[in-house]
N, C-alpha and C. Protein backbone atom coordinates (compact mmCIF):
# COMPACT_ATOMS: atom_id res chain seq x y z
N MET A 1 107.95 -113.72 43.56
CA MET A 1 107.19 -112.82 42.71
C MET A 1 108.13 -112.24 41.66
N GLN A 2 107.67 -112.21 40.44
CA GLN A 2 108.43 -111.61 39.33
C GLN A 2 108.04 -110.14 39.24
N PHE A 3 109.00 -109.24 39.42
CA PHE A 3 108.70 -107.82 39.37
C PHE A 3 108.77 -107.29 37.95
N VAL A 4 107.86 -106.35 37.63
CA VAL A 4 107.84 -105.68 36.34
C VAL A 4 108.81 -104.50 36.44
N PRO A 5 109.75 -104.37 35.50
CA PRO A 5 110.78 -103.34 35.63
C PRO A 5 110.30 -101.89 35.67
N ASP A 6 109.25 -101.54 34.97
CA ASP A 6 108.84 -100.13 34.86
C ASP A 6 107.89 -99.66 35.96
N ILE A 7 107.50 -100.54 36.86
CA ILE A 7 106.58 -100.18 37.94
C ILE A 7 107.33 -100.31 39.26
N PRO A 8 107.27 -99.26 40.12
CA PRO A 8 107.98 -99.36 41.41
C PRO A 8 107.57 -100.62 42.18
N ARG A 9 108.56 -101.24 42.78
CA ARG A 9 108.30 -102.50 43.50
C ARG A 9 107.27 -102.32 44.61
N TRP A 10 107.30 -101.19 45.30
CA TRP A 10 106.36 -101.02 46.39
C TRP A 10 104.93 -101.02 45.86
N ARG A 11 104.72 -100.46 44.67
CA ARG A 11 103.37 -100.46 44.08
C ARG A 11 102.94 -101.88 43.70
N GLN A 12 103.87 -102.66 43.21
CA GLN A 12 103.55 -104.05 42.84
C GLN A 12 103.19 -104.88 44.06
N VAL A 13 103.95 -104.71 45.13
CA VAL A 13 103.66 -105.45 46.37
C VAL A 13 102.35 -104.94 46.98
N ALA A 14 102.13 -103.63 46.96
CA ALA A 14 100.88 -103.08 47.47
C ALA A 14 99.69 -103.64 46.71
N GLU A 15 99.84 -103.85 45.41
CA GLU A 15 98.76 -104.42 44.61
C GLU A 15 98.45 -105.85 45.06
N VAL A 16 99.47 -106.61 45.40
CA VAL A 16 99.26 -107.98 45.90
C VAL A 16 98.47 -107.93 47.21
N ILE A 17 98.89 -107.08 48.13
CA ILE A 17 98.20 -106.97 49.43
C ILE A 17 96.77 -106.46 49.20
N ARG A 18 96.60 -105.46 48.33
CA ARG A 18 95.28 -104.92 48.02
C ARG A 18 94.37 -106.03 47.47
N SER A 19 94.89 -106.85 46.58
CA SER A 19 94.11 -107.97 46.03
C SER A 19 93.70 -108.95 47.12
N ARG A 20 94.61 -109.20 48.05
CA ARG A 20 94.29 -110.12 49.15
C ARG A 20 93.21 -109.53 50.06
N ILE A 21 93.23 -108.22 50.23
CA ILE A 21 92.17 -107.58 51.02
C ILE A 21 90.84 -107.70 50.27
N GLU A 22 90.86 -107.42 48.98
CA GLU A 22 89.62 -107.45 48.18
C GLU A 22 89.04 -108.85 48.06
N ASP A 23 89.91 -109.88 47.98
CA ASP A 23 89.37 -111.24 47.82
C ASP A 23 89.06 -111.92 49.16
N GLY A 24 89.28 -111.20 50.27
CA GLY A 24 88.92 -111.74 51.57
C GLY A 24 90.01 -112.54 52.25
N THR A 25 91.19 -112.65 51.63
CA THR A 25 92.29 -113.33 52.30
C THR A 25 92.61 -112.63 53.61
N TYR A 26 92.55 -111.30 53.59
CA TYR A 26 92.70 -110.49 54.80
C TYR A 26 91.38 -109.77 55.02
N PRO A 27 90.48 -110.35 55.81
CA PRO A 27 89.17 -109.72 56.05
C PRO A 27 89.31 -108.46 56.91
N PRO A 28 88.26 -107.64 56.95
CA PRO A 28 88.28 -106.44 57.79
C PRO A 28 88.65 -106.78 59.24
N ARG A 29 89.40 -105.88 59.84
CA ARG A 29 89.85 -105.95 61.23
C ARG A 29 90.89 -107.03 61.50
N THR A 30 91.41 -107.68 60.44
CA THR A 30 92.47 -108.66 60.66
C THR A 30 93.82 -108.02 60.33
N ARG A 31 94.84 -108.59 60.89
CA ARG A 31 96.19 -108.06 60.71
C ARG A 31 96.69 -108.36 59.30
N VAL A 32 97.36 -107.38 58.71
CA VAL A 32 98.05 -107.58 57.44
C VAL A 32 99.52 -107.84 57.75
N PRO A 33 100.27 -108.37 56.80
CA PRO A 33 101.68 -108.66 57.09
C PRO A 33 102.44 -107.41 57.55
N SER A 34 103.31 -107.62 58.52
CA SER A 34 104.15 -106.53 59.02
C SER A 34 105.20 -106.18 57.97
N VAL A 35 105.89 -105.08 58.20
CA VAL A 35 106.98 -104.69 57.30
C VAL A 35 107.99 -105.83 57.20
N GLN A 36 108.34 -106.44 58.33
CA GLN A 36 109.31 -107.53 58.32
C GLN A 36 108.79 -108.74 57.55
N GLN A 37 107.51 -109.04 57.67
CA GLN A 37 106.94 -110.16 56.92
C GLN A 37 106.91 -109.88 55.42
N ILE A 38 106.65 -108.62 55.06
CA ILE A 38 106.66 -108.24 53.64
C ILE A 38 108.08 -108.38 53.08
N ILE A 39 109.06 -107.94 53.86
CA ILE A 39 110.46 -108.07 53.44
C ILE A 39 110.79 -109.54 53.18
N ALA A 40 110.40 -110.41 54.10
CA ALA A 40 110.69 -111.84 53.97
C ALA A 40 109.97 -112.47 52.78
N GLU A 41 108.70 -112.11 52.59
CA GLU A 41 107.92 -112.73 51.51
C GLU A 41 108.34 -112.25 50.13
N PHE A 42 108.61 -110.96 49.99
CA PHE A 42 108.84 -110.40 48.66
C PHE A 42 110.30 -110.07 48.37
N GLY A 43 111.16 -110.17 49.36
CA GLY A 43 112.57 -109.92 49.14
C GLY A 43 112.87 -108.47 48.77
N ILE A 44 112.20 -107.54 49.43
CA ILE A 44 112.40 -106.12 49.16
C ILE A 44 113.06 -105.45 50.37
N ALA A 45 113.53 -104.24 50.17
CA ALA A 45 114.20 -103.49 51.23
C ALA A 45 113.20 -102.97 52.26
N THR A 46 113.71 -102.63 53.44
CA THR A 46 112.86 -102.11 54.52
C THR A 46 112.11 -100.87 54.08
N ALA A 47 112.80 -99.91 53.47
CA ALA A 47 112.15 -98.67 53.03
C ALA A 47 111.04 -98.95 52.02
N THR A 48 111.26 -99.94 51.17
CA THR A 48 110.25 -100.30 50.17
C THR A 48 109.02 -100.90 50.84
N ALA A 49 109.24 -101.77 51.81
CA ALA A 49 108.13 -102.38 52.54
C ALA A 49 107.35 -101.33 53.33
N GLN A 50 108.08 -100.35 53.88
CA GLN A 50 107.40 -99.27 54.60
C GLN A 50 106.53 -98.45 53.66
N LYS A 51 106.98 -98.27 52.41
CA LYS A 51 106.17 -97.56 51.41
C LYS A 51 104.89 -98.33 51.09
N VAL A 52 104.97 -99.65 51.12
CA VAL A 52 103.78 -100.47 50.88
C VAL A 52 102.73 -100.13 51.93
N HIS A 53 103.12 -100.16 53.19
CA HIS A 53 102.17 -99.84 54.28
C HIS A 53 101.67 -98.41 54.15
N LYS A 54 102.57 -97.48 53.87
CA LYS A 54 102.16 -96.07 53.75
C LYS A 54 101.15 -95.90 52.62
N GLY A 55 101.39 -96.55 51.49
CA GLY A 55 100.47 -96.45 50.36
C GLY A 55 99.10 -97.02 50.68
N LEU A 56 99.07 -98.16 51.36
CA LEU A 56 97.80 -98.78 51.71
C LEU A 56 97.05 -97.95 52.76
N ARG A 57 97.79 -97.32 53.68
CA ARG A 57 97.16 -96.42 54.65
C ARG A 57 96.58 -95.20 53.94
N THR A 58 97.32 -94.64 53.00
CA THR A 58 96.85 -93.48 52.24
C THR A 58 95.55 -93.80 51.50
N GLU A 59 95.45 -95.01 50.98
CA GLU A 59 94.24 -95.45 50.28
C GLU A 59 93.09 -95.74 51.24
N GLY A 60 93.39 -95.80 52.53
CA GLY A 60 92.36 -96.11 53.51
C GLY A 60 92.06 -97.59 53.65
N LEU A 61 92.93 -98.43 53.09
CA LEU A 61 92.70 -99.87 53.16
C LEU A 61 93.16 -100.48 54.47
N ILE A 62 94.19 -99.88 55.07
CA ILE A 62 94.68 -100.38 56.35
C ILE A 62 94.88 -99.21 57.30
N HIS A 63 94.97 -99.53 58.58
CA HIS A 63 95.34 -98.55 59.60
C HIS A 63 96.32 -99.23 60.54
N THR A 64 97.20 -98.43 61.10
CA THR A 64 98.23 -98.97 61.98
C THR A 64 97.97 -98.51 63.40
N GLU A 65 97.99 -99.46 64.32
CA GLU A 65 97.84 -99.17 65.73
C GLU A 65 99.21 -99.39 66.38
N PRO A 66 99.86 -98.32 66.83
CA PRO A 66 101.20 -98.44 67.39
C PRO A 66 101.29 -99.54 68.45
N GLY A 67 102.28 -100.38 68.30
CA GLY A 67 102.51 -101.46 69.24
C GLY A 67 101.68 -102.70 68.97
N LEU A 68 100.70 -102.60 68.07
CA LEU A 68 99.83 -103.75 67.79
C LEU A 68 99.98 -104.27 66.37
N GLY A 69 100.22 -103.38 65.41
CA GLY A 69 100.35 -103.81 64.03
C GLY A 69 99.42 -103.06 63.11
N SER A 70 99.35 -103.53 61.88
CA SER A 70 98.50 -102.91 60.87
C SER A 70 97.34 -103.84 60.54
N PHE A 71 96.17 -103.25 60.39
CA PHE A 71 94.94 -104.02 60.24
C PHE A 71 94.13 -103.51 59.06
N VAL A 72 93.34 -104.42 58.48
CA VAL A 72 92.45 -104.04 57.39
C VAL A 72 91.36 -103.14 57.96
N THR A 73 91.14 -102.02 57.31
CA THR A 73 90.11 -101.08 57.72
C THR A 73 88.74 -101.66 57.39
N GLU A 74 87.80 -101.43 58.29
CA GLU A 74 86.42 -101.84 58.04
C GLU A 74 85.89 -100.98 56.90
N GLN A 75 85.56 -101.60 55.78
CA GLN A 75 85.08 -100.86 54.62
C GLN A 75 83.57 -100.73 54.68
N SER A 76 83.08 -99.55 54.36
CA SER A 76 81.62 -99.40 54.34
C SER A 76 81.08 -100.08 53.09
N ALA A 77 79.90 -100.59 53.21
CA ALA A 77 79.27 -101.28 52.08
C ALA A 77 78.99 -100.28 50.97
N THR A 78 79.03 -100.77 49.74
CA THR A 78 78.71 -99.91 48.61
C THR A 78 77.25 -99.52 48.69
N PRO A 79 76.96 -98.23 48.63
CA PRO A 79 75.56 -97.82 48.74
C PRO A 79 74.75 -98.35 47.58
N SER A 80 73.59 -98.84 47.90
CA SER A 80 72.71 -99.34 46.84
C SER A 80 71.61 -98.32 46.59
N ALA A 81 70.95 -98.49 45.46
CA ALA A 81 69.86 -97.56 45.12
C ALA A 81 68.74 -97.73 46.12
N PRO A 82 68.11 -96.63 46.52
CA PRO A 82 67.01 -96.75 47.48
C PRO A 82 65.85 -97.55 46.88
N ASP A 83 65.20 -98.29 47.74
CA ASP A 83 64.04 -99.07 47.30
C ASP A 83 62.87 -98.13 47.01
N LYS A 84 62.19 -98.40 45.93
CA LYS A 84 61.01 -97.61 45.59
C LYS A 84 59.81 -98.52 45.70
N GLY A 85 59.14 -98.41 46.77
CA GLY A 85 58.05 -99.33 46.87
C GLY A 85 57.13 -98.97 47.87
């Protein structure tokens, strides 16, 4: 991955993971890459990879279950307009 100099690396990596969640590469309730897997794939430091997970948790996109890993959060469907009929 080619990093953009003016954007923190953790944000750039988080955007990649976020895109994979949105496009279904990582469906709800499936495991997302661990900190170690992110380090290996993107060549970033441990603290940076941990920030990726923290940022995605803050956004509500993933949740971490101690001892099991981090998983895509089940997203609620976008509310549609009520039927008038």
